[in-house]
Amino acid sequence: MNGVHDMGGMDGFGKVEPEPNEPVFHAGWEGRVMAMVRAMGAQGAFNIDTSRFYREMLPPQVYLASSYYEKWLLGLEDMLIAKGYVAADEVKSGHARAAAKPLKRGPFKLDDVERVMARGKFGRAAIAPAKFKAGDRVRARNIHPATHTRLPRYVRGHLGVIERNHGCQVFPDSAAIEAGENPQWLYTVVFDAVELWGPDADPTAKISIDAFEPYLEQA
């Protein structure tokens, strides 16, 4: 979707100021939010792409005014309400008023922690031969989906070159709306900065993105 979260290539937001020796969490509640998201996802309440989509749907004024883990918390609240795991008044009061909706994989237990913390595997069997190979010139499609996509706006309509094929992967655009995994080939595509931003861009700079096959067309 074309939301305020898609900030790549945009001007006017000031410099990125890395924090020296930045801690993993700035406050204890941030770690608890991350734990809740990982636990609910591991028990089948949602997948990672759905989780991202709900954060993207936060109103622009809320998104821009929120810290990283505030976005996680607000997106989690909206998602759990939409899926019927909690009610809005329960979130507001901080207390349950009815029995919880059962989770697909049952209660979360201590023995599940190691499995939950392991990185997910998203490679899948190919359903068709890859359309592109390394060295092919491609154009990123000028799409404007209303739901989740991993294709940034700043490359849409522009020419790039396939650098690498990463194999077939779960397609986030489908997974985010729970329309199945719909595996698609995933490529690294390299774009010249001048192609993306015109003659004022650094002529030596190149930008690489990972793009799924439905995002691309032969140039």
N, C-alpha and C. Protein backbone atom coordinates (compact mmCIF):
# COMPACT_ATOMS: atom_id res chain seq x y z
N MET A 1 0.84 -1.18 0.00
CA MET A 1 0.00 0.00 0.00
C MET A 1 0.88 1.24 0.00
N ASN A 2 0.35 2.35 -0.50
CA ASN A 2 1.10 3.60 -0.53
C ASN A 2 0.85 4.37 0.76
N GLY A 3 1.62 4.05 1.77
CA GLY A 3 1.44 4.68 3.07
C GLY A 3 2.66 5.46 3.50
N VAL A 4 2.54 6.14 4.61
CA VAL A 4 3.63 6.97 5.12
C VAL A 4 4.83 6.12 5.53
N HIS A 5 4.62 4.83 5.75
CA HIS A 5 5.73 3.95 6.13
C HIS A 5 6.75 3.79 5.01
N ASP A 6 6.31 3.96 3.75
CA ASP A 6 7.19 3.73 2.60
C ASP A 6 7.99 5.01 2.34
N MET A 7 9.03 5.24 3.14
CA MET A 7 9.74 6.51 3.15
C MET A 7 11.04 6.49 2.34
N GLY A 8 11.37 5.34 1.73
CA GLY A 8 12.61 5.25 0.96
C GLY A 8 12.66 6.30 -0.14
N GLY A 9 13.77 7.01 -0.22
CA GLY A 9 13.95 7.99 -1.28
C GLY A 9 13.23 9.31 -1.06
N MET A 10 12.54 9.47 0.08
CA MET A 10 11.80 10.71 0.33
C MET A 10 12.67 11.75 1.02
N ASP A 11 12.38 13.02 0.75
CA ASP A 11 13.12 14.14 1.34
C ASP A 11 12.30 14.77 2.46
N GLY A 12 12.99 15.61 3.25
CA GLY A 12 12.30 16.46 4.21
C GLY A 12 12.16 15.91 5.60
N PHE A 13 12.75 14.74 5.88
CA PHE A 13 12.63 14.16 7.22
C PHE A 13 13.91 14.31 8.04
N GLY A 14 14.88 15.04 7.53
CA GLY A 14 16.12 15.25 8.26
C GLY A 14 17.08 14.09 8.13
N LYS A 15 18.27 14.28 8.72
CA LYS A 15 19.31 13.25 8.66
C LYS A 15 18.93 12.04 9.51
N VAL A 16 19.43 10.89 9.09
CA VAL A 16 19.36 9.70 9.94
C VAL A 16 20.50 9.81 10.95
N GLU A 17 20.16 9.85 12.22
CA GLU A 17 21.15 10.03 13.28
C GLU A 17 21.32 8.73 14.06
N PRO A 18 22.30 7.89 13.69
CA PRO A 18 22.52 6.66 14.45
C PRO A 18 22.86 6.97 15.91
N GLU A 19 22.33 6.17 16.82
CA GLU A 19 22.58 6.34 18.24
C GLU A 19 23.81 5.52 18.64
N PRO A 20 24.86 6.15 19.13
CA PRO A 20 26.06 5.38 19.54
C PRO A 20 25.72 4.37 20.63
N ASN A 21 26.22 3.15 20.46
CA ASN A 21 26.00 2.10 21.46
C ASN A 21 24.52 1.92 21.79
N GLU A 22 23.70 1.96 20.76
CA GLU A 22 22.25 1.86 20.97
C GLU A 22 21.89 0.53 21.63
N PRO A 23 21.10 0.55 22.70
CA PRO A 23 20.70 -0.71 23.34
C PRO A 23 19.64 -1.43 22.51
N VAL A 24 19.48 -2.71 22.77
CA VAL A 24 18.44 -3.47 22.07
C VAL A 24 17.07 -2.88 22.37
N PHE A 25 16.82 -2.56 23.63
CA PHE A 25 15.57 -1.94 24.05
C PHE A 25 15.90 -0.70 24.89
N HIS A 26 15.12 0.36 24.69
CA HIS A 26 15.32 1.57 25.47
C HIS A 26 14.52 1.56 26.78
N ALA A 27 13.56 0.66 26.89
CA ALA A 27 12.74 0.54 28.10
C ALA A 27 12.23 -0.89 28.18
N GLY A 28 11.92 -1.31 29.40
CA GLY A 28 11.49 -2.68 29.59
C GLY A 28 10.24 -3.05 28.82
N TRP A 29 9.32 -2.10 28.66
CA TRP A 29 8.06 -2.41 27.98
C TRP A 29 8.28 -2.78 26.52
N GLU A 30 9.37 -2.27 25.91
CA GLU A 30 9.64 -2.60 24.50
C GLU A 30 9.91 -4.09 24.34
N GLY A 31 10.68 -4.65 25.25
CA GLY A 31 10.94 -6.09 25.19
C GLY A 31 9.68 -6.91 25.37
N ARG A 32 8.78 -6.42 26.24
CA ARG A 32 7.51 -7.15 26.45
C ARG A 32 6.63 -7.10 25.21
N VAL A 33 6.65 -5.96 24.52
CA VAL A 33 5.87 -5.86 23.28
C VAL A 33 6.40 -6.84 22.24
N MET A 34 7.72 -6.87 22.08
CA MET A 34 8.29 -7.82 21.13
C MET A 34 7.93 -9.25 21.51
N ALA A 35 7.99 -9.58 22.79
CA ALA A 35 7.65 -10.93 23.24
C ALA A 35 6.19 -11.27 22.92
N MET A 36 5.28 -10.31 23.12
CA MET A 36 3.87 -10.57 22.83
C MET A 36 3.65 -10.82 21.34
N VAL A 37 4.31 -10.03 20.50
CA VAL A 37 4.16 -10.20 19.06
C VAL A 37 4.69 -11.57 18.64
N ARG A 38 5.89 -11.92 19.12
CA ARG A 38 6.47 -13.21 18.74
C ARG A 38 5.63 -14.37 19.26
N ALA A 39 5.13 -14.25 20.49
CA ALA A 39 4.35 -15.34 21.07
C ALA A 39 3.04 -15.54 20.34
N MET A 40 2.32 -14.46 20.05
CA MET A 40 1.03 -14.59 19.36
C MET A 40 1.22 -15.08 17.93
N GLY A 41 2.27 -14.63 17.27
CA GLY A 41 2.55 -15.12 15.92
C GLY A 41 2.89 -16.60 15.92
N ALA A 42 3.70 -17.02 16.90
CA ALA A 42 4.11 -18.43 16.98
C ALA A 42 2.93 -19.34 17.25
N GLN A 43 1.91 -18.84 17.91
CA GLN A 43 0.74 -19.65 18.23
C GLN A 43 -0.36 -19.56 17.17
N GLY A 44 -0.03 -18.95 16.03
CA GLY A 44 -0.93 -18.99 14.89
C GLY A 44 -1.96 -17.88 14.81
N ALA A 45 -1.81 -16.81 15.62
CA ALA A 45 -2.78 -15.71 15.55
C ALA A 45 -2.62 -14.91 14.27
N PHE A 46 -1.41 -14.86 13.73
CA PHE A 46 -1.14 -14.10 12.50
C PHE A 46 0.24 -14.49 12.00
N ASN A 47 0.59 -14.06 10.78
CA ASN A 47 1.93 -14.29 10.25
C ASN A 47 2.70 -12.97 10.19
N ILE A 48 3.98 -13.02 9.88
CA ILE A 48 4.83 -11.84 9.94
C ILE A 48 4.38 -10.76 8.95
N ASP A 49 3.86 -11.16 7.80
CA ASP A 49 3.43 -10.17 6.81
C ASP A 49 2.14 -9.47 7.24
N THR A 50 1.24 -10.22 7.87
CA THR A 50 0.03 -9.59 8.41
C THR A 50 0.41 -8.59 9.50
N SER A 51 1.37 -8.95 10.33
CA SER A 51 1.82 -8.07 11.40
C SER A 51 2.37 -6.76 10.82
N ARG A 52 3.18 -6.86 9.78
CA ARG A 52 3.71 -5.66 9.14
C ARG A 52 2.59 -4.81 8.54
N PHE A 53 1.61 -5.46 7.93
CA PHE A 53 0.52 -4.75 7.27
C PHE A 53 -0.27 -3.91 8.27
N TYR A 54 -0.51 -4.45 9.45
CA TYR A 54 -1.26 -3.69 10.45
C TYR A 54 -0.47 -2.48 10.96
N ARG A 55 0.84 -2.59 11.03
CA ARG A 55 1.63 -1.41 11.40
C ARG A 55 1.59 -0.36 10.29
N GLU A 56 1.60 -0.82 9.05
CA GLU A 56 1.53 0.11 7.92
C GLU A 56 0.20 0.86 7.87
N MET A 57 -0.85 0.25 8.40
CA MET A 57 -2.17 0.86 8.34
C MET A 57 -2.43 1.89 9.44
N LEU A 58 -1.47 2.10 10.32
CA LEU A 58 -1.65 3.14 11.34
C LEU A 58 -1.84 4.49 10.65
N PRO A 59 -2.71 5.36 11.17
CA PRO A 59 -2.88 6.68 10.57
C PRO A 59 -1.55 7.42 10.48
N PRO A 60 -1.30 8.18 9.41
CA PRO A 60 -0.01 8.85 9.24
C PRO A 60 0.43 9.66 10.45
N GLN A 61 -0.50 10.42 11.06
CA GLN A 61 -0.11 11.24 12.20
C GLN A 61 0.30 10.40 13.40
N VAL A 62 -0.28 9.21 13.51
CA VAL A 62 0.10 8.30 14.59
C VAL A 62 1.44 7.63 14.27
N TYR A 63 1.58 7.18 13.04
CA TYR A 63 2.81 6.50 12.62
C TYR A 63 4.03 7.39 12.82
N LEU A 64 3.94 8.64 12.35
CA LEU A 64 5.09 9.54 12.41
C LEU A 64 5.42 9.98 13.83
N ALA A 65 4.43 9.98 14.71
CA ALA A 65 4.65 10.43 16.08
C ALA A 65 5.03 9.29 17.03
N SER A 66 5.09 8.05 16.51
CA SER A 66 5.32 6.89 17.36
C SER A 66 6.74 6.36 17.21
N SER A 67 7.27 5.85 18.31
CA SER A 67 8.57 5.18 18.24
C SER A 67 8.41 3.81 17.60
N TYR A 68 9.52 3.14 17.37
CA TYR A 68 9.51 1.84 16.70
C TYR A 68 8.59 0.86 17.41
N TYR A 69 8.78 0.67 18.70
CA TYR A 69 7.98 -0.33 19.42
C TYR A 69 6.59 0.18 19.77
N GLU A 70 6.39 1.48 19.75
CA GLU A 70 5.01 1.98 19.85
C GLU A 70 4.21 1.54 18.62
N LYS A 71 4.83 1.59 17.45
CA LYS A 71 4.17 1.10 16.24
C LYS A 71 3.85 -0.39 16.37
N TRP A 72 4.78 -1.16 16.90
CA TRP A 72 4.53 -2.58 17.11
C TRP A 72 3.32 -2.79 18.02
N LEU A 73 3.27 -2.04 19.12
CA LEU A 73 2.19 -2.21 20.08
C LEU A 73 0.85 -1.80 19.49
N LEU A 74 0.78 -0.66 18.83
CA LEU A 74 -0.48 -0.19 18.25
C LEU A 74 -0.96 -1.12 17.14
N GLY A 75 -0.02 -1.59 16.31
CA GLY A 75 -0.40 -2.54 15.26
C GLY A 75 -0.90 -3.84 15.85
N LEU A 76 -0.26 -4.31 16.93
CA LEU A 76 -0.69 -5.55 17.59
C LEU A 76 -2.09 -5.39 18.15
N GLU A 77 -2.36 -4.28 18.81
CA GLU A 77 -3.70 -4.05 19.36
C GLU A 77 -4.76 -4.09 18.27
N ASP A 78 -4.52 -3.36 17.17
CA ASP A 78 -5.49 -3.33 16.07
C ASP A 78 -5.71 -4.71 15.48
N MET A 79 -4.62 -5.46 15.34
CA MET A 79 -4.70 -6.78 14.72
C MET A 79 -5.46 -7.76 15.61
N LEU A 80 -5.17 -7.76 16.89
CA LEU A 80 -5.86 -8.69 17.80
C LEU A 80 -7.33 -8.35 17.95
N ILE A 81 -7.67 -7.06 17.90
CA ILE A 81 -9.08 -6.66 17.93
C ILE A 81 -9.78 -7.13 16.65
N ALA A 82 -9.15 -6.88 15.50
CA ALA A 82 -9.75 -7.26 14.21
C ALA A 82 -9.97 -8.76 14.11
N LYS A 83 -9.09 -9.55 14.71
CA LYS A 83 -9.17 -11.00 14.62
C LYS A 83 -9.97 -11.62 15.76
N GLY A 84 -10.49 -10.78 16.64
CA GLY A 84 -11.37 -11.28 17.69
C GLY A 84 -10.69 -11.89 18.89
N TYR A 85 -9.37 -11.65 19.06
CA TYR A 85 -8.68 -12.21 20.22
C TYR A 85 -8.91 -11.36 21.47
N VAL A 86 -9.12 -10.07 21.28
CA VAL A 86 -9.47 -9.17 22.38
C VAL A 86 -10.51 -8.18 21.87
N ALA A 87 -11.21 -7.53 22.79
CA ALA A 87 -12.16 -6.48 22.43
C ALA A 87 -11.53 -5.12 22.71
N ALA A 88 -12.00 -4.11 22.00
CA ALA A 88 -11.43 -2.77 22.15
C ALA A 88 -11.54 -2.28 23.59
N ASP A 89 -12.66 -2.57 24.26
CA ASP A 89 -12.79 -2.10 25.64
C ASP A 89 -11.88 -2.86 26.59
N GLU A 90 -11.51 -4.10 26.23
CA GLU A 90 -10.56 -4.85 27.04
C GLU A 90 -9.16 -4.24 26.94
N VAL A 91 -8.80 -3.82 25.75
CA VAL A 91 -7.51 -3.15 25.56
C VAL A 91 -7.47 -1.85 26.36
N LYS A 92 -8.56 -1.11 26.30
CA LYS A 92 -8.63 0.18 26.99
C LYS A 92 -8.55 0.01 28.50
N SER A 93 -9.24 -0.99 29.03
CA SER A 93 -9.27 -1.18 30.48
C SER A 93 -8.09 -1.99 31.00
N GLY A 94 -7.49 -2.79 30.12
CA GLY A 94 -6.40 -3.66 30.55
C GLY A 94 -6.87 -4.92 31.25
N HIS A 95 -8.16 -5.25 31.09
CA HIS A 95 -8.72 -6.43 31.76
C HIS A 95 -9.61 -7.20 30.79
N ALA A 96 -9.55 -8.52 30.85
CA ALA A 96 -10.42 -9.36 30.03
C ALA A 96 -11.83 -9.34 30.61
N ARG A 97 -12.83 -9.39 29.74
CA ARG A 97 -14.22 -9.45 30.21
C ARG A 97 -14.90 -10.73 29.73
N ALA A 98 -14.19 -11.52 28.95
CA ALA A 98 -14.75 -12.78 28.45
C ALA A 98 -13.61 -13.77 28.23
N ALA A 99 -13.97 -15.04 28.07
CA ALA A 99 -12.96 -16.06 27.80
C ALA A 99 -12.25 -15.75 26.49
N ALA A 100 -10.96 -15.99 26.45
CA ALA A 100 -10.15 -15.67 25.26
C ALA A 100 -10.48 -16.62 24.11
N LYS A 101 -10.40 -16.11 22.90
CA LYS A 101 -10.55 -16.93 21.70
C LYS A 101 -9.40 -17.93 21.65
N PRO A 102 -9.68 -19.21 21.38
CA PRO A 102 -8.60 -20.21 21.35
C PRO A 102 -7.58 -19.90 20.26
N LEU A 103 -6.32 -20.16 20.58
CA LEU A 103 -5.24 -20.02 19.59
C LEU A 103 -5.10 -21.31 18.79
N LYS A 104 -4.66 -21.18 17.56
CA LYS A 104 -4.55 -22.33 16.67
C LYS A 104 -3.63 -23.40 17.23
N ARG A 105 -2.56 -22.99 17.91
CA ARG A 105 -1.56 -23.95 18.38
C ARG A 105 -1.56 -24.10 19.89
N GLY A 106 -2.64 -23.67 20.53
CA GLY A 106 -2.76 -23.86 21.97
C GLY A 106 -1.94 -22.87 22.78
N PRO A 107 -1.91 -23.05 24.09
CA PRO A 107 -1.19 -22.11 24.96
C PRO A 107 0.31 -22.10 24.67
N PHE A 108 0.92 -20.95 24.87
CA PHE A 108 2.36 -20.80 24.70
C PHE A 108 3.06 -21.31 25.95
N LYS A 109 4.06 -22.20 25.78
CA LYS A 109 4.75 -22.82 26.91
C LYS A 109 6.25 -22.54 26.85
N LEU A 110 6.92 -22.78 27.98
CA LEU A 110 8.35 -22.52 28.07
C LEU A 110 9.12 -23.32 27.02
N ASP A 111 8.68 -24.54 26.75
CA ASP A 111 9.38 -25.38 25.77
C ASP A 111 9.28 -24.83 24.36
N ASP A 112 8.35 -23.87 24.12
CA ASP A 112 8.18 -23.31 22.78
C ASP A 112 9.16 -22.17 22.48
N VAL A 113 9.86 -21.65 23.51
CA VAL A 113 10.66 -20.44 23.34
C VAL A 113 11.74 -20.63 22.28
N GLU A 114 12.48 -21.72 22.33
CA GLU A 114 13.56 -21.94 21.38
C GLU A 114 13.03 -21.96 19.95
N ARG A 115 11.90 -22.63 19.74
CA ARG A 115 11.31 -22.68 18.40
C ARG A 115 10.88 -21.29 17.93
N VAL A 116 10.29 -20.53 18.84
CA VAL A 116 9.78 -19.21 18.48
C VAL A 116 10.91 -18.26 18.11
N MET A 117 12.03 -18.36 18.79
CA MET A 117 13.14 -17.44 18.56
C MET A 117 13.97 -17.79 17.33
N ALA A 118 13.78 -18.98 16.78
CA ALA A 118 14.50 -19.37 15.56
C ALA A 118 13.93 -18.61 14.36
N ARG A 119 14.81 -18.18 13.48
CA ARG A 119 14.38 -17.45 12.30
C ARG A 119 13.53 -18.35 11.40
N GLY A 120 12.43 -17.81 10.90
CA GLY A 120 11.54 -18.57 10.04
C GLY A 120 12.19 -18.90 8.70
N LYS A 121 11.71 -19.95 8.09
CA LYS A 121 12.20 -20.36 6.76
C LYS A 121 11.06 -20.16 5.77
N PHE A 122 11.33 -19.38 4.72
CA PHE A 122 10.27 -19.00 3.79
C PHE A 122 10.49 -19.53 2.38
N GLY A 123 11.55 -20.30 2.17
CA GLY A 123 11.75 -20.93 0.86
C GLY A 123 10.71 -21.99 0.60
N ARG A 124 10.22 -22.05 -0.63
CA ARG A 124 9.20 -23.01 -1.00
C ARG A 124 9.53 -23.62 -2.37
N ALA A 125 8.90 -24.75 -2.68
CA ALA A 125 9.10 -25.39 -3.98
C ALA A 125 8.59 -24.49 -5.09
N ALA A 126 9.30 -24.48 -6.20
CA ALA A 126 8.91 -23.64 -7.34
C ALA A 126 7.66 -24.19 -8.00
N ILE A 127 6.76 -23.29 -8.38
CA ILE A 127 5.54 -23.71 -9.06
C ILE A 127 5.65 -23.51 -10.57
N ALA A 128 6.71 -22.80 -11.02
CA ALA A 128 6.95 -22.56 -12.45
C ALA A 128 8.40 -22.14 -12.61
N PRO A 129 8.97 -22.28 -13.80
CA PRO A 129 10.36 -21.84 -14.01
C PRO A 129 10.50 -20.33 -13.79
N ALA A 130 11.67 -19.91 -13.36
CA ALA A 130 11.94 -18.48 -13.17
C ALA A 130 11.91 -17.76 -14.52
N LYS A 131 11.31 -16.58 -14.55
CA LYS A 131 11.23 -15.80 -15.79
C LYS A 131 12.52 -15.04 -16.08
N PHE A 132 13.30 -14.77 -15.04
CA PHE A 132 14.48 -13.92 -15.22
C PHE A 132 15.73 -14.63 -14.72
N LYS A 133 16.88 -14.15 -15.21
CA LYS A 133 18.18 -14.67 -14.78
C LYS A 133 19.12 -13.50 -14.55
N ALA A 134 20.26 -13.77 -13.90
CA ALA A 134 21.23 -12.72 -13.63
C ALA A 134 21.65 -12.04 -14.95
N GLY A 135 21.70 -10.72 -14.94
CA GLY A 135 22.07 -9.94 -16.12
C GLY A 135 20.89 -9.42 -16.92
N ASP A 136 19.69 -9.95 -16.68
CA ASP A 136 18.51 -9.47 -17.42
C ASP A 136 18.15 -8.05 -16.98
N ARG A 137 17.78 -7.22 -17.96
CA ARG A 137 17.26 -5.89 -17.65
C ARG A 137 15.76 -6.00 -17.44
N VAL A 138 15.30 -5.41 -16.35
CA VAL A 138 13.88 -5.48 -16.00
C VAL A 138 13.38 -4.09 -15.60
N ARG A 139 12.08 -3.95 -15.62
CA ARG A 139 11.46 -2.73 -15.13
C ARG A 139 10.54 -3.10 -13.96
N ALA A 140 10.66 -2.35 -12.87
CA ALA A 140 9.74 -2.55 -11.75
C ALA A 140 8.36 -2.04 -12.16
N ARG A 141 7.36 -2.86 -11.96
CA ARG A 141 6.01 -2.48 -12.36
C ARG A 141 5.53 -1.26 -11.55
N ASN A 142 4.75 -0.42 -12.18
CA ASN A 142 4.20 0.76 -11.50
C ASN A 142 2.86 0.38 -10.88
N ILE A 143 2.94 -0.34 -9.76
CA ILE A 143 1.74 -0.85 -9.11
C ILE A 143 1.42 0.01 -7.88
N HIS A 144 0.16 0.02 -7.52
CA HIS A 144 -0.29 0.76 -6.33
C HIS A 144 -1.33 -0.06 -5.58
N PRO A 145 -0.91 -1.20 -5.02
CA PRO A 145 -1.88 -2.08 -4.34
C PRO A 145 -2.44 -1.43 -3.08
N ALA A 146 -3.66 -1.78 -2.76
CA ALA A 146 -4.30 -1.25 -1.56
C ALA A 146 -3.89 -2.00 -0.31
N THR A 147 -3.23 -3.14 -0.49
CA THR A 147 -2.80 -3.94 0.66
C THR A 147 -1.27 -3.98 0.70
N HIS A 148 -0.72 -4.89 1.48
CA HIS A 148 0.73 -4.94 1.73
C HIS A 148 1.51 -5.32 0.48
N THR A 149 2.65 -4.66 0.28
CA THR A 149 3.59 -5.04 -0.77
C THR A 149 4.99 -4.73 -0.29
N ARG A 150 5.98 -5.45 -0.82
CA ARG A 150 7.37 -5.21 -0.47
C ARG A 150 8.10 -4.44 -1.57
N LEU A 151 7.36 -3.94 -2.56
CA LEU A 151 7.99 -3.17 -3.63
C LEU A 151 7.95 -1.69 -3.27
N PRO A 152 9.10 -1.06 -2.98
CA PRO A 152 9.09 0.35 -2.59
C PRO A 152 8.68 1.26 -3.75
N ARG A 153 8.03 2.35 -3.40
CA ARG A 153 7.54 3.26 -4.43
C ARG A 153 8.66 3.85 -5.28
N TYR A 154 9.81 4.10 -4.67
CA TYR A 154 10.84 4.84 -5.41
C TYR A 154 11.45 4.07 -6.58
N VAL A 155 11.21 2.74 -6.66
CA VAL A 155 11.73 2.00 -7.81
C VAL A 155 10.66 1.72 -8.87
N ARG A 156 9.41 1.98 -8.56
CA ARG A 156 8.33 1.61 -9.49
C ARG A 156 8.44 2.39 -10.79
N GLY A 157 8.39 1.64 -11.89
CA GLY A 157 8.50 2.25 -13.21
C GLY A 157 9.92 2.42 -13.70
N HIS A 158 10.90 2.03 -12.88
CA HIS A 158 12.31 2.26 -13.23
C HIS A 158 13.01 0.98 -13.67
N LEU A 159 14.10 1.17 -14.42
CA LEU A 159 14.86 0.07 -14.99
C LEU A 159 15.97 -0.37 -14.05
N GLY A 160 16.15 -1.69 -13.95
CA GLY A 160 17.24 -2.24 -13.16
C GLY A 160 17.76 -3.52 -13.80
N VAL A 161 18.72 -4.15 -13.14
CA VAL A 161 19.34 -5.37 -13.67
C VAL A 161 19.28 -6.46 -12.60
N ILE A 162 18.86 -7.65 -13.01
CA ILE A 162 18.83 -8.78 -12.09
C ILE A 162 20.26 -9.16 -11.71
N GLU A 163 20.53 -9.21 -10.41
CA GLU A 163 21.86 -9.60 -9.94
C GLU A 163 21.89 -11.04 -9.43
N ARG A 164 20.78 -11.47 -8.79
CA ARG A 164 20.79 -12.79 -8.17
C ARG A 164 19.37 -13.32 -8.04
N ASN A 165 19.24 -14.63 -8.17
CA ASN A 165 17.97 -15.32 -7.94
C ASN A 165 18.06 -16.01 -6.59
N HIS A 166 17.14 -15.67 -5.68
CA HIS A 166 17.15 -16.24 -4.32
C HIS A 166 16.25 -17.46 -4.18
N GLY A 167 15.67 -17.92 -5.28
CA GLY A 167 14.77 -19.06 -5.21
C GLY A 167 13.34 -18.63 -4.96
N CYS A 168 12.46 -19.62 -4.81
CA CYS A 168 11.04 -19.36 -4.61
C CYS A 168 10.77 -19.15 -3.12
N GLN A 169 9.98 -18.11 -2.79
CA GLN A 169 9.72 -17.74 -1.41
C GLN A 169 8.23 -17.45 -1.22
N VAL A 170 7.79 -17.51 0.03
CA VAL A 170 6.42 -17.09 0.37
C VAL A 170 6.23 -15.65 -0.12
N PHE A 171 5.10 -15.38 -0.79
CA PHE A 171 4.83 -14.06 -1.36
C PHE A 171 4.14 -13.20 -0.31
N PRO A 172 4.81 -12.16 0.22
CA PRO A 172 4.23 -11.36 1.30
C PRO A 172 2.90 -10.71 0.95
N ASP A 173 2.72 -10.31 -0.30
CA ASP A 173 1.49 -9.63 -0.71
C ASP A 173 0.27 -10.52 -0.47
N SER A 174 0.43 -11.83 -0.68
CA SER A 174 -0.66 -12.77 -0.44
C SER A 174 -0.76 -13.14 1.03
N ALA A 175 0.39 -13.41 1.65
CA ALA A 175 0.39 -13.85 3.05
C ALA A 175 -0.18 -12.80 3.97
N ALA A 176 0.06 -11.52 3.68
CA ALA A 176 -0.38 -10.43 4.56
C ALA A 176 -1.89 -10.37 4.69
N ILE A 177 -2.59 -10.75 3.65
CA ILE A 177 -4.06 -10.72 3.69
C ILE A 177 -4.63 -12.13 3.86
N GLU A 178 -3.74 -13.05 4.27
CA GLU A 178 -4.11 -14.44 4.55
C GLU A 178 -4.79 -15.10 3.35
N ALA A 179 -4.20 -14.85 2.18
CA ALA A 179 -4.69 -15.45 0.93
C ALA A 179 -3.78 -16.60 0.48
N GLY A 180 -3.04 -17.18 1.41
CA GLY A 180 -2.16 -18.29 1.09
C GLY A 180 -0.74 -17.83 0.84
N GLU A 181 0.17 -18.81 0.77
CA GLU A 181 1.59 -18.48 0.61
C GLU A 181 1.94 -18.05 -0.81
N ASN A 182 1.28 -18.59 -1.82
CA ASN A 182 1.46 -18.16 -3.21
C ASN A 182 2.93 -17.96 -3.55
N PRO A 183 3.79 -18.98 -3.45
CA PRO A 183 5.24 -18.80 -3.62
C PRO A 183 5.62 -18.17 -4.96
N GLN A 184 6.59 -17.26 -4.90
CA GLN A 184 7.07 -16.55 -6.09
C GLN A 184 8.60 -16.46 -6.05
N TRP A 185 9.20 -16.38 -7.24
CA TRP A 185 10.64 -16.21 -7.32
C TRP A 185 11.04 -14.85 -6.77
N LEU A 186 12.18 -14.83 -6.08
CA LEU A 186 12.68 -13.60 -5.47
C LEU A 186 14.06 -13.28 -6.03
N TYR A 187 14.25 -12.04 -6.45
CA TYR A 187 15.51 -11.62 -7.08
C TYR A 187 16.10 -10.39 -6.37
N THR A 188 17.43 -10.27 -6.42
CA THR A 188 18.07 -8.99 -6.12
C THR A 188 18.15 -8.22 -7.42
N VAL A 189 17.65 -6.99 -7.41
CA VAL A 189 17.67 -6.12 -8.59
C VAL A 189 18.47 -4.86 -8.25
N VAL A 190 19.39 -4.48 -9.14
CA VAL A 190 20.26 -3.33 -8.92
C VAL A 190 19.81 -2.18 -9.81
N PHE A 191 19.66 -1.00 -9.22
CA PHE A 191 19.26 0.21 -9.94
C PHE A 191 20.36 1.27 -9.82
N ASP A 192 20.62 1.99 -10.90
CA ASP A 192 21.49 3.16 -10.82
C ASP A 192 20.75 4.29 -10.13
N ALA A 193 21.45 5.03 -9.27
CA ALA A 193 20.82 6.14 -8.56
C ALA A 193 20.28 7.19 -9.53
N VAL A 194 20.99 7.44 -10.62
CA VAL A 194 20.54 8.43 -11.62
C VAL A 194 19.23 7.99 -12.25
N GLU A 195 19.06 6.69 -12.47
CA GLU A 195 17.81 6.17 -13.03
C GLU A 195 16.65 6.44 -12.08
N LEU A 196 16.91 6.36 -10.78
CA LEU A 196 15.84 6.53 -9.80
C LEU A 196 15.54 8.00 -9.51
N TRP A 197 16.59 8.84 -9.42
CA TRP A 197 16.40 10.20 -8.92
C TRP A 197 16.90 11.31 -9.86
N GLY A 198 17.33 10.91 -11.06
CA GLY A 198 17.69 11.92 -12.03
C GLY A 198 19.14 12.38 -11.96
N PRO A 199 19.51 13.38 -12.76
CA PRO A 199 20.91 13.79 -12.92
C PRO A 199 21.55 14.37 -11.67
N ASP A 200 20.76 14.78 -10.68
CA ASP A 200 21.35 15.32 -9.45
C ASP A 200 21.85 14.22 -8.51
N ALA A 201 21.51 12.98 -8.79
CA ALA A 201 21.94 11.87 -7.94
C ALA A 201 23.41 11.54 -8.18
N ASP A 202 24.02 10.88 -7.23
CA ASP A 202 25.42 10.45 -7.35
C ASP A 202 25.53 9.44 -8.49
N PRO A 203 26.29 9.76 -9.55
CA PRO A 203 26.36 8.84 -10.70
C PRO A 203 27.07 7.53 -10.40
N THR A 204 27.77 7.45 -9.27
CA THR A 204 28.48 6.21 -8.92
C THR A 204 27.65 5.32 -7.99
N ALA A 205 26.52 5.83 -7.50
CA ALA A 205 25.74 5.09 -6.51
C ALA A 205 24.79 4.10 -7.18
N LYS A 206 24.66 2.94 -6.56
CA LYS A 206 23.71 1.91 -7.01
C LYS A 206 22.87 1.47 -5.81
N ILE A 207 21.62 1.14 -6.08
CA ILE A 207 20.68 0.72 -5.04
C ILE A 207 20.21 -0.71 -5.35
N SER A 208 20.32 -1.59 -4.38
CA SER A 208 19.86 -2.97 -4.55
C SER A 208 18.60 -3.20 -3.72
N ILE A 209 17.62 -3.85 -4.31
CA ILE A 209 16.43 -4.27 -3.57
C ILE A 209 16.15 -5.73 -3.88
N ASP A 210 15.45 -6.39 -3.00
CA ASP A 210 14.95 -7.73 -3.28
C ASP A 210 13.51 -7.59 -3.77
N ALA A 211 13.24 -8.12 -4.96
CA ALA A 211 11.93 -7.94 -5.59
C ALA A 211 11.39 -9.29 -6.05
N PHE A 212 10.12 -9.51 -5.77
CA PHE A 212 9.45 -10.73 -6.22
C PHE A 212 9.08 -10.62 -7.69
N GLU A 213 8.99 -11.78 -8.34
CA GLU A 213 8.76 -11.81 -9.78
C GLU A 213 7.51 -11.03 -10.24
N PRO A 214 6.38 -11.10 -9.51
CA PRO A 214 5.22 -10.32 -9.96
C PRO A 214 5.46 -8.82 -9.97
N TYR A 215 6.51 -8.34 -9.32
CA TYR A 215 6.82 -6.92 -9.32
C TYR A 215 7.56 -6.47 -10.59
N LEU A 216 8.00 -7.42 -11.39
CA LEU A 216 8.94 -7.11 -12.46
C LEU A 216 8.38 -7.47 -13.83
N GLU A 217 8.87 -6.75 -14.83
CA GLU A 217 8.58 -7.09 -16.23
C GLU A 217 9.86 -6.94 -17.05
N GLN A 218 9.94 -7.68 -18.17
CA GLN A 218 11.12 -7.60 -19.02
C GLN A 218 11.24 -6.20 -19.61
N ALA A 219 12.45 -5.65 -19.55
CA ALA A 219 12.67 -4.31 -20.10
C ALA A 219 12.88 -4.37 -21.60
